[in-house]
Amino acid sequence: MIMRPGQQLLLPANPWFIWSSLLTALALNMLQNMGLWGRAAWSPDLVAVALVFWAIHQPLRVGVGSAFLLGLAMDVHQSALLGQHALAYSALSFLAIGIHRRILWFSVPSQTAQVLPLFAAAHALTLALRLLSGDVFPGWSVVLAPVVEALLWPVVSVLLLLPQRQAPDRDENRPL
């Protein structure tokens, strides 16, 4: 793959780190739902952010199947309509894999604008499923959730790429 000028060469991603970051996002999502603001409509879905990140950066390791399993875990935790999050995460992962080659050519701030429609589509799908099942409209604050998730994108990009940016054994002859 041809790299952008100025882009740093990254180490391969460790599969243990990928899955531990996804499970940590799942645990943080569960704690967030039980914590301060509960299931507020504006609260970000950290699993969705981590899932999109890894589906873009490692599409062969994190795909639609893993998104479906994480979605089922969120459905069981939230006692939601079984398959609601699973369908949204699967669609989100499918869309992220579809644009993964194109989005990596952009800088991280530009990527934020590129992933915002993905998060908005996933929330719209979840909202449509909730409304079709007879649930009440959660309010217009639901529009803020994709925006907050997109604003988290630069932070997540820096944190999750940090282990790949470090050289395995540094010396003065290799500047990597």
N, C-alpha and C. Protein backbone atom coordinates (compact mmCIF):
# COMPACT_ATOMS: atom_id res chain seq x y z
N MET A 1 0.84 -1.18 0.00
CA MET A 1 0.00 0.00 0.00
C MET A 1 0.88 1.24 0.00
N ILE A 2 0.54 2.20 -0.80
CA ILE A 2 1.27 3.45 -0.88
C ILE A 2 0.85 4.31 0.30
N MET A 3 1.85 4.86 0.99
CA MET A 3 1.56 5.65 2.18
C MET A 3 1.52 7.14 1.84
N ARG A 4 0.76 7.87 2.63
CA ARG A 4 0.72 9.32 2.51
C ARG A 4 2.08 9.89 2.88
N PRO A 5 2.47 11.03 2.33
CA PRO A 5 3.72 11.66 2.75
C PRO A 5 3.63 12.07 4.23
N GLY A 6 4.64 11.73 4.98
CA GLY A 6 4.68 12.08 6.39
C GLY A 6 3.99 11.07 7.30
N GLN A 7 3.40 10.02 6.73
CA GLN A 7 2.73 9.03 7.56
C GLN A 7 3.76 8.08 8.15
N GLN A 8 3.60 7.77 9.42
CA GLN A 8 4.55 6.92 10.12
C GLN A 8 4.26 5.45 9.84
N LEU A 9 5.32 4.67 9.68
CA LEU A 9 5.19 3.24 9.49
C LEU A 9 4.85 2.60 10.83
N LEU A 10 3.78 1.81 10.87
CA LEU A 10 3.31 1.24 12.13
C LEU A 10 3.70 -0.23 12.24
N LEU A 11 3.87 -0.67 13.48
CA LEU A 11 4.08 -2.09 13.75
C LEU A 11 2.77 -2.84 13.54
N PRO A 12 2.82 -4.15 13.35
CA PRO A 12 1.57 -4.91 13.25
C PRO A 12 0.79 -4.85 14.57
N ALA A 13 -0.51 -4.85 14.46
CA ALA A 13 -1.35 -4.79 15.65
C ALA A 13 -1.38 -6.15 16.33
N ASN A 14 -1.24 -6.15 17.64
CA ASN A 14 -1.29 -7.37 18.42
C ASN A 14 -2.76 -7.78 18.58
N PRO A 15 -3.12 -9.01 18.23
CA PRO A 15 -4.53 -9.43 18.37
C PRO A 15 -5.04 -9.36 19.80
N TRP A 16 -4.15 -9.62 20.75
CA TRP A 16 -4.57 -9.52 22.16
C TRP A 16 -4.94 -8.09 22.52
N PHE A 17 -4.18 -7.14 21.99
CA PHE A 17 -4.48 -5.74 22.26
C PHE A 17 -5.80 -5.32 21.61
N ILE A 18 -6.03 -5.80 20.39
CA ILE A 18 -7.28 -5.48 19.70
C ILE A 18 -8.48 -5.96 20.51
N TRP A 19 -8.45 -7.23 20.89
CA TRP A 19 -9.61 -7.79 21.60
C TRP A 19 -9.72 -7.26 23.02
N SER A 20 -8.59 -6.98 23.68
CA SER A 20 -8.69 -6.40 25.02
C SER A 20 -9.24 -4.97 24.96
N SER A 21 -8.92 -4.22 23.89
CA SER A 21 -9.48 -2.88 23.77
C SER A 21 -10.99 -2.94 23.49
N LEU A 22 -11.42 -3.92 22.69
CA LEU A 22 -12.86 -4.06 22.44
C LEU A 22 -13.60 -4.49 23.70
N LEU A 23 -13.02 -5.41 24.47
CA LEU A 23 -13.66 -5.84 25.71
C LEU A 23 -13.63 -4.75 26.78
N THR A 24 -12.57 -3.93 26.77
CA THR A 24 -12.52 -2.79 27.69
C THR A 24 -13.59 -1.77 27.32
N ALA A 25 -13.78 -1.54 26.03
CA ALA A 25 -14.84 -0.62 25.59
C ALA A 25 -16.21 -1.16 26.00
N LEU A 26 -16.39 -2.48 25.88
CA LEU A 26 -17.65 -3.09 26.30
C LEU A 26 -17.88 -2.91 27.80
N ALA A 27 -16.82 -3.13 28.59
CA ALA A 27 -16.94 -2.96 30.04
C ALA A 27 -17.20 -1.49 30.40
N LEU A 28 -16.53 -0.56 29.73
CA LEU A 28 -16.78 0.86 29.99
C LEU A 28 -18.19 1.27 29.60
N ASN A 29 -18.69 0.69 28.50
CA ASN A 29 -20.06 0.96 28.09
C ASN A 29 -21.05 0.46 29.14
N MET A 30 -20.78 -0.72 29.67
CA MET A 30 -21.66 -1.28 30.70
C MET A 30 -21.61 -0.45 31.98
N LEU A 31 -20.41 -0.02 32.36
CA LEU A 31 -20.29 0.84 33.55
C LEU A 31 -20.96 2.19 33.33
N GLN A 32 -20.82 2.71 32.13
CA GLN A 32 -21.44 3.99 31.81
C GLN A 32 -22.96 3.88 31.90
N ASN A 33 -23.52 2.77 31.44
CA ASN A 33 -24.98 2.60 31.50
C ASN A 33 -25.48 2.46 32.93
N MET A 34 -24.66 1.91 33.81
CA MET A 34 -25.07 1.75 35.20
C MET A 34 -24.67 2.95 36.05
N GLY A 35 -23.86 3.84 35.51
CA GLY A 35 -23.26 4.90 36.29
C GLY A 35 -24.04 6.18 36.38
N LEU A 36 -23.34 7.27 36.16
CA LEU A 36 -23.84 8.61 36.42
C LEU A 36 -25.11 8.97 35.66
N TRP A 37 -25.07 8.85 34.35
CA TRP A 37 -26.21 9.32 33.55
C TRP A 37 -27.07 8.19 33.03
N GLY A 38 -26.77 6.97 33.39
CA GLY A 38 -27.61 5.85 32.98
C GLY A 38 -27.63 5.67 31.48
N ARG A 39 -28.79 5.42 30.94
CA ARG A 39 -28.93 5.23 29.50
C ARG A 39 -29.40 6.51 28.83
N ALA A 40 -28.68 7.58 29.07
CA ALA A 40 -29.05 8.86 28.46
C ALA A 40 -28.91 8.75 26.94
N ALA A 41 -29.79 9.39 26.23
CA ALA A 41 -29.81 9.30 24.76
C ALA A 41 -28.58 9.94 24.14
N TRP A 42 -27.95 10.88 24.80
CA TRP A 42 -26.80 11.59 24.23
C TRP A 42 -25.48 10.91 24.55
N SER A 43 -25.48 9.91 25.42
CA SER A 43 -24.21 9.29 25.83
C SER A 43 -23.59 8.50 24.68
N PRO A 44 -22.28 8.59 24.53
CA PRO A 44 -21.61 7.92 23.40
C PRO A 44 -21.55 6.41 23.60
N ASP A 45 -21.55 5.70 22.51
CA ASP A 45 -21.42 4.24 22.52
C ASP A 45 -19.95 3.93 22.27
N LEU A 46 -19.22 3.61 23.32
CA LEU A 46 -17.78 3.39 23.21
C LEU A 46 -17.45 2.13 22.43
N VAL A 47 -18.32 1.14 22.49
CA VAL A 47 -18.10 -0.08 21.71
C VAL A 47 -18.16 0.24 20.22
N ALA A 48 -19.09 1.08 19.83
CA ALA A 48 -19.21 1.46 18.42
C ALA A 48 -17.97 2.19 17.95
N VAL A 49 -17.43 3.07 18.78
CA VAL A 49 -16.24 3.83 18.39
C VAL A 49 -15.04 2.88 18.23
N ALA A 50 -14.84 2.00 19.21
CA ALA A 50 -13.72 1.06 19.12
C ALA A 50 -13.91 0.08 17.97
N LEU A 51 -15.13 -0.33 17.75
CA LEU A 51 -15.42 -1.26 16.67
C LEU A 51 -15.15 -0.64 15.29
N VAL A 52 -15.56 0.59 15.11
CA VAL A 52 -15.29 1.27 13.84
C VAL A 52 -13.79 1.48 13.66
N PHE A 53 -13.11 1.84 14.74
CA PHE A 53 -11.67 2.04 14.64
C PHE A 53 -10.96 0.78 14.18
N TRP A 54 -11.26 -0.35 14.81
CA TRP A 54 -10.57 -1.59 14.45
C TRP A 54 -11.06 -2.14 13.13
N ALA A 55 -12.30 -1.90 12.76
CA ALA A 55 -12.78 -2.34 11.45
C ALA A 55 -12.11 -1.56 10.33
N ILE A 56 -11.73 -0.33 10.60
CA ILE A 56 -11.02 0.48 9.60
C ILE A 56 -9.54 0.10 9.56
N HIS A 57 -8.93 -0.06 10.73
CA HIS A 57 -7.49 -0.32 10.77
C HIS A 57 -7.12 -1.79 10.63
N GLN A 58 -7.98 -2.69 11.05
CA GLN A 58 -7.70 -4.13 10.97
C GLN A 58 -8.95 -4.87 10.49
N PRO A 59 -9.35 -4.68 9.23
CA PRO A 59 -10.61 -5.27 8.77
C PRO A 59 -10.59 -6.79 8.67
N LEU A 60 -9.41 -7.40 8.61
CA LEU A 60 -9.35 -8.86 8.55
C LEU A 60 -9.48 -9.50 9.93
N ARG A 61 -9.25 -8.74 10.97
CA ARG A 61 -9.34 -9.30 12.32
C ARG A 61 -10.64 -8.95 13.02
N VAL A 62 -11.18 -7.79 12.73
CA VAL A 62 -12.44 -7.36 13.35
C VAL A 62 -13.43 -7.13 12.23
N GLY A 63 -14.46 -7.93 12.22
CA GLY A 63 -15.42 -7.84 11.14
C GLY A 63 -16.85 -7.83 11.63
N VAL A 64 -17.73 -8.24 10.76
CA VAL A 64 -19.16 -8.21 11.04
C VAL A 64 -19.53 -9.23 12.11
N GLY A 65 -18.88 -10.39 12.12
CA GLY A 65 -19.17 -11.42 13.12
C GLY A 65 -18.84 -10.99 14.53
N SER A 66 -17.69 -10.37 14.70
CA SER A 66 -17.32 -9.88 16.03
C SER A 66 -18.23 -8.73 16.44
N ALA A 67 -18.64 -7.91 15.49
CA ALA A 67 -19.57 -6.82 15.79
C ALA A 67 -20.91 -7.38 16.25
N PHE A 68 -21.36 -8.45 15.61
CA PHE A 68 -22.62 -9.08 15.99
C PHE A 68 -22.55 -9.62 17.42
N LEU A 69 -21.44 -10.28 17.78
CA LEU A 69 -21.29 -10.82 19.13
C LEU A 69 -21.24 -9.71 20.18
N LEU A 70 -20.52 -8.64 19.89
CA LEU A 70 -20.48 -7.51 20.83
C LEU A 70 -21.86 -6.87 20.96
N GLY A 71 -22.60 -6.82 19.86
CA GLY A 71 -23.95 -6.27 19.90
C GLY A 71 -24.90 -7.13 20.73
N LEU A 72 -24.76 -8.44 20.62
CA LEU A 72 -25.58 -9.32 21.46
C LEU A 72 -25.26 -9.13 22.94
N ALA A 73 -23.97 -8.94 23.25
CA ALA A 73 -23.59 -8.69 24.64
C ALA A 73 -24.22 -7.39 25.15
N MET A 74 -24.24 -6.35 24.32
CA MET A 74 -24.87 -5.09 24.74
C MET A 74 -26.38 -5.24 24.87
N ASP A 75 -27.00 -6.02 23.99
CA ASP A 75 -28.44 -6.25 24.08
C ASP A 75 -28.80 -6.96 25.38
N VAL A 76 -28.03 -7.96 25.74
CA VAL A 76 -28.29 -8.70 26.97
C VAL A 76 -28.07 -7.80 28.18
N HIS A 77 -27.01 -6.99 28.15
CA HIS A 77 -26.74 -6.11 29.28
C HIS A 77 -27.84 -5.08 29.48
N GLN A 78 -28.30 -4.48 28.40
CA GLN A 78 -29.29 -3.41 28.50
C GLN A 78 -30.72 -3.91 28.53
N SER A 79 -30.91 -5.21 28.45
CA SER A 79 -32.25 -5.80 28.36
C SER A 79 -33.04 -5.16 27.23
N ALA A 80 -32.34 -4.90 26.15
CA ALA A 80 -32.96 -4.27 24.98
C ALA A 80 -33.55 -5.35 24.08
N LEU A 81 -34.19 -4.91 23.04
CA LEU A 81 -34.70 -5.82 22.03
C LEU A 81 -33.53 -6.65 21.51
N LEU A 82 -33.62 -7.97 21.63
CA LEU A 82 -32.50 -8.84 21.27
C LEU A 82 -32.21 -8.71 19.78
N GLY A 83 -31.01 -8.27 19.49
CA GLY A 83 -30.59 -8.08 18.11
C GLY A 83 -30.53 -6.63 17.70
N GLN A 84 -31.00 -5.73 18.54
CA GLN A 84 -31.01 -4.30 18.21
C GLN A 84 -29.58 -3.77 18.03
N HIS A 85 -28.76 -3.93 19.06
CA HIS A 85 -27.38 -3.49 18.96
C HIS A 85 -26.58 -4.38 18.00
N ALA A 86 -26.94 -5.65 17.96
CA ALA A 86 -26.22 -6.57 17.08
C ALA A 86 -26.39 -6.15 15.62
N LEU A 87 -27.58 -5.78 15.23
CA LEU A 87 -27.81 -5.32 13.87
C LEU A 87 -27.11 -3.99 13.61
N ALA A 88 -27.20 -3.08 14.56
CA ALA A 88 -26.56 -1.77 14.38
C ALA A 88 -25.04 -1.90 14.30
N TYR A 89 -24.44 -2.72 15.18
CA TYR A 89 -22.99 -2.90 15.15
C TYR A 89 -22.55 -3.62 13.88
N SER A 90 -23.34 -4.59 13.42
CA SER A 90 -23.00 -5.30 12.19
C SER A 90 -23.04 -4.36 10.99
N ALA A 91 -24.07 -3.53 10.91
CA ALA A 91 -24.15 -2.56 9.82
C ALA A 91 -23.01 -1.54 9.92
N LEU A 92 -22.70 -1.11 11.12
CA LEU A 92 -21.62 -0.16 11.34
C LEU A 92 -20.28 -0.76 10.91
N SER A 93 -20.05 -2.00 11.27
CA SER A 93 -18.81 -2.67 10.89
C SER A 93 -18.74 -2.86 9.37
N PHE A 94 -19.85 -3.24 8.76
CA PHE A 94 -19.89 -3.41 7.31
C PHE A 94 -19.57 -2.10 6.59
N LEU A 95 -20.16 -1.02 7.05
CA LEU A 95 -19.89 0.29 6.43
C LEU A 95 -18.45 0.74 6.65
N ALA A 96 -17.92 0.47 7.84
CA ALA A 96 -16.54 0.86 8.13
C ALA A 96 -15.55 0.08 7.29
N ILE A 97 -15.82 -1.22 7.11
CA ILE A 97 -14.93 -2.03 6.26
C ILE A 97 -15.03 -1.56 4.81
N GLY A 98 -16.20 -1.11 4.42
CA GLY A 98 -16.38 -0.62 3.06
C GLY A 98 -15.58 0.63 2.74
N ILE A 99 -15.30 1.46 3.73
CA ILE A 99 -14.56 2.71 3.47
C ILE A 99 -13.15 2.68 4.06
N HIS A 100 -12.70 1.53 4.54
CA HIS A 100 -11.43 1.53 5.28
C HIS A 100 -10.22 1.94 4.44
N ARG A 101 -10.19 1.63 3.18
CA ARG A 101 -9.04 2.04 2.36
C ARG A 101 -9.04 3.54 2.09
N ARG A 102 -10.22 4.09 1.87
CA ARG A 102 -10.32 5.51 1.55
C ARG A 102 -10.08 6.38 2.76
N ILE A 103 -10.59 5.97 3.90
CA ILE A 103 -10.53 6.84 5.08
C ILE A 103 -9.11 6.96 5.63
N LEU A 104 -8.27 5.96 5.39
CA LEU A 104 -6.90 6.02 5.91
C LEU A 104 -6.03 7.03 5.18
N TRP A 105 -6.49 7.55 4.05
CA TRP A 105 -5.77 8.58 3.33
C TRP A 105 -5.97 9.97 3.94
N PHE A 106 -6.97 10.11 4.78
CA PHE A 106 -7.26 11.40 5.40
C PHE A 106 -6.49 11.55 6.70
N SER A 107 -6.33 12.79 7.12
CA SER A 107 -5.75 13.04 8.44
C SER A 107 -6.80 12.72 9.50
N VAL A 108 -6.36 12.62 10.74
CA VAL A 108 -7.28 12.22 11.81
C VAL A 108 -8.43 13.23 11.98
N PRO A 109 -8.21 14.54 11.93
CA PRO A 109 -9.37 15.45 12.01
C PRO A 109 -10.34 15.29 10.84
N SER A 110 -9.81 15.01 9.66
CA SER A 110 -10.70 14.79 8.51
C SER A 110 -11.44 13.46 8.63
N GLN A 111 -10.81 12.49 9.26
CA GLN A 111 -11.48 11.21 9.49
C GLN A 111 -12.69 11.38 10.40
N THR A 112 -12.61 12.35 11.29
CA THR A 112 -13.74 12.62 12.18
C THR A 112 -14.99 12.95 11.39
N ALA A 113 -14.83 13.77 10.37
CA ALA A 113 -15.98 14.11 9.52
C ALA A 113 -16.44 12.92 8.68
N GLN A 114 -15.52 12.00 8.39
CA GLN A 114 -15.88 10.84 7.58
C GLN A 114 -16.63 9.77 8.38
N VAL A 115 -16.33 9.65 9.68
CA VAL A 115 -16.99 8.61 10.48
C VAL A 115 -18.30 9.10 11.10
N LEU A 116 -18.54 10.40 11.10
CA LEU A 116 -19.79 10.92 11.65
C LEU A 116 -21.03 10.33 10.97
N PRO A 117 -21.08 10.23 9.62
CA PRO A 117 -22.26 9.61 9.01
C PRO A 117 -22.43 8.13 9.37
N LEU A 118 -21.33 7.43 9.63
CA LEU A 118 -21.43 6.03 10.06
C LEU A 118 -22.12 5.93 11.41
N PHE A 119 -21.68 6.75 12.34
CA PHE A 119 -22.28 6.74 13.67
C PHE A 119 -23.74 7.19 13.62
N ALA A 120 -24.02 8.18 12.79
CA ALA A 120 -25.40 8.65 12.65
C ALA A 120 -26.30 7.56 12.07
N ALA A 121 -25.79 6.82 11.09
CA ALA A 121 -26.58 5.74 10.49
C ALA A 121 -26.85 4.63 11.51
N ALA A 122 -25.86 4.30 12.32
CA ALA A 122 -26.06 3.26 13.34
C ALA A 122 -27.08 3.69 14.38
N HIS A 123 -27.02 4.95 14.81
CA HIS A 123 -28.01 5.43 15.78
C HIS A 123 -29.40 5.54 15.16
N ALA A 124 -29.47 5.92 13.89
CA ALA A 124 -30.77 5.97 13.22
C ALA A 124 -31.38 4.58 13.09
N LEU A 125 -30.55 3.59 12.80
CA LEU A 125 -31.04 2.22 12.72
C LEU A 125 -31.54 1.72 14.08
N THR A 126 -30.79 2.01 15.12
CA THR A 126 -31.20 1.61 16.47
C THR A 126 -32.49 2.32 16.87
N LEU A 127 -32.58 3.60 16.57
CA LEU A 127 -33.78 4.36 16.91
C LEU A 127 -34.99 3.83 16.14
N ALA A 128 -34.81 3.52 14.87
CA ALA A 128 -35.91 2.98 14.07
C ALA A 128 -36.39 1.64 14.63
N LEU A 129 -35.45 0.79 15.03
CA LEU A 129 -35.84 -0.49 15.62
C LEU A 129 -36.59 -0.31 16.94
N ARG A 130 -36.13 0.64 17.74
CA ARG A 130 -36.81 0.91 19.02
C ARG A 130 -38.23 1.42 18.79
N LEU A 131 -38.37 2.33 17.84
CA LEU A 131 -39.69 2.89 17.58
C LEU A 131 -40.63 1.86 16.95
N LEU A 132 -40.09 1.00 16.09
CA LEU A 132 -40.92 -0.05 15.49
C LEU A 132 -41.38 -1.09 16.51
N SER A 133 -40.59 -1.27 17.55
CA SER A 133 -40.99 -2.25 18.57
C SER A 133 -41.94 -1.66 19.61
N GLY A 134 -42.27 -0.39 19.47
CA GLY A 134 -43.25 0.22 20.36
C GLY A 134 -42.67 1.05 21.48
N ASP A 135 -41.39 1.29 21.48
CA ASP A 135 -40.77 2.12 22.50
C ASP A 135 -41.07 3.59 22.21
N VAL A 136 -40.88 4.44 23.21
CA VAL A 136 -41.15 5.87 23.05
C VAL A 136 -39.91 6.56 22.47
N PHE A 137 -40.12 7.70 21.85
CA PHE A 137 -39.03 8.49 21.30
C PHE A 137 -38.20 9.05 22.45
N PRO A 138 -36.87 8.82 22.46
CA PRO A 138 -36.06 9.24 23.59
C PRO A 138 -35.79 10.74 23.67
N GLY A 139 -36.18 11.51 22.69
CA GLY A 139 -35.95 12.95 22.70
C GLY A 139 -34.89 13.33 21.67
N TRP A 140 -34.81 14.61 21.43
CA TRP A 140 -33.89 15.09 20.40
C TRP A 140 -32.44 15.07 20.84
N SER A 141 -32.18 14.75 22.09
CA SER A 141 -30.79 14.65 22.53
C SER A 141 -30.10 13.44 21.92
N VAL A 142 -30.86 12.55 21.30
CA VAL A 142 -30.28 11.39 20.63
C VAL A 142 -29.41 11.82 19.44
N VAL A 143 -29.61 13.02 18.94
CA VAL A 143 -28.81 13.53 17.83
C VAL A 143 -27.38 13.84 18.28
N LEU A 144 -27.20 14.09 19.57
CA LEU A 144 -25.87 14.43 20.07
C LEU A 144 -24.94 13.23 20.17
N ALA A 145 -25.47 12.02 20.29
CA ALA A 145 -24.63 10.83 20.48
C ALA A 145 -23.65 10.61 19.32
N PRO A 146 -24.09 10.64 18.06
CA PRO A 146 -23.10 10.46 16.99
C PRO A 146 -22.06 11.57 16.94
N VAL A 147 -22.46 12.78 17.31
CA VAL A 147 -21.51 13.90 17.32
C VAL A 147 -20.45 13.68 18.39
N VAL A 148 -20.87 13.25 19.59
CA VAL A 148 -19.92 12.98 20.67
C VAL A 148 -19.00 11.82 20.28
N GLU A 149 -19.54 10.80 19.64
CA GLU A 149 -18.71 9.67 19.20
C GLU A 149 -17.69 10.11 18.15
N ALA A 150 -18.11 10.96 17.23
CA ALA A 150 -17.17 11.46 16.22
C ALA A 150 -16.10 12.35 16.86
N LEU A 151 -16.47 13.10 17.90
CA LEU A 151 -15.48 13.93 18.59
C LEU A 151 -14.49 13.08 19.40
N LEU A 152 -14.90 11.88 19.77
CA LEU A 152 -14.00 10.97 20.47
C LEU A 152 -13.00 10.29 19.52
N TRP A 153 -13.25 10.36 18.23
CA TRP A 153 -12.42 9.67 17.25
C TRP A 153 -10.94 10.03 17.33
N PRO A 154 -10.54 11.32 17.42
CA PRO A 154 -9.10 11.61 17.52
C PRO A 154 -8.46 11.04 18.78
N VAL A 155 -9.18 11.08 19.89
CA VAL A 155 -8.64 10.54 21.14
C VAL A 155 -8.44 9.04 21.03
N VAL A 156 -9.44 8.36 20.48
CA VAL A 156 -9.35 6.91 20.32
C VAL A 156 -8.25 6.55 19.33
N SER A 157 -8.10 7.34 18.28
CA SER A 157 -7.05 7.07 17.29
C SER A 157 -5.66 7.17 17.91
N VAL A 158 -5.45 8.15 18.74
CA VAL A 158 -4.14 8.30 19.38
C VAL A 158 -3.90 7.17 20.38
N LEU A 159 -4.90 6.87 21.20
CA LEU A 159 -4.72 5.85 22.24
C LEU A 159 -4.54 4.44 21.67
N LEU A 160 -5.34 4.09 20.67
CA LEU A 160 -5.28 2.72 20.16
C LEU A 160 -4.14 2.48 19.18
N LEU A 161 -3.58 3.53 18.60
CA LEU A 161 -2.42 3.36 17.73
C LEU A 161 -1.09 3.53 18.46
N LEU A 162 -1.15 3.93 19.72
CA LEU A 162 0.07 4.17 20.49
C LEU A 162 0.98 2.94 20.57
N PRO A 163 0.47 1.73 20.85
CA PRO A 163 1.38 0.57 20.90
C PRO A 163 2.01 0.23 19.55
N GLN A 164 1.37 0.58 18.46
CA GLN A 164 1.92 0.28 17.14
C GLN A 164 2.97 1.29 16.71
N ARG A 165 3.02 2.43 17.35
CA ARG A 165 3.98 3.47 16.96
C ARG A 165 5.33 3.30 17.65
N GLN A 166 5.42 2.43 18.62
CA GLN A 166 6.66 2.27 19.36
C GLN A 166 7.53 1.20 18.70
N ALA A 167 8.80 1.48 18.58
CA ALA A 167 9.72 0.53 17.98
C ALA A 167 9.96 -0.63 18.94
N PRO A 168 10.09 -1.85 18.43
CA PRO A 168 10.31 -2.99 19.33
C PRO A 168 11.65 -2.93 20.05
N ASP A 169 12.69 -2.50 19.36
CA ASP A 169 14.00 -2.30 19.99
C ASP A 169 14.66 -1.10 19.31
N ARG A 170 14.79 -0.06 20.07
CA ARG A 170 15.29 1.20 19.52
C ARG A 170 16.82 1.23 19.54
N ASP A 171 17.38 1.85 18.54
CA ASP A 171 18.80 2.19 18.54
C ASP A 171 18.99 3.43 17.67
N GLU A 172 20.21 3.97 17.64
CA GLU A 172 20.39 5.22 16.92
C GLU A 172 20.45 5.04 15.43
N ASN A 173 20.66 3.83 14.93
CA ASN A 173 20.77 3.62 13.50
C ASN A 173 19.40 3.48 12.81
N ARG A 174 18.38 3.14 13.57
CA ARG A 174 17.03 2.99 13.01
C ARG A 174 16.13 4.06 13.62
N PRO A 175 15.68 4.99 12.84
CA PRO A 175 14.85 6.07 13.39
C PRO A 175 13.39 5.65 13.63
N LEU A 176 12.99 4.43 13.27
CA LEU A 176 11.62 4.01 13.48
C LEU A 176 11.39 3.79 14.93
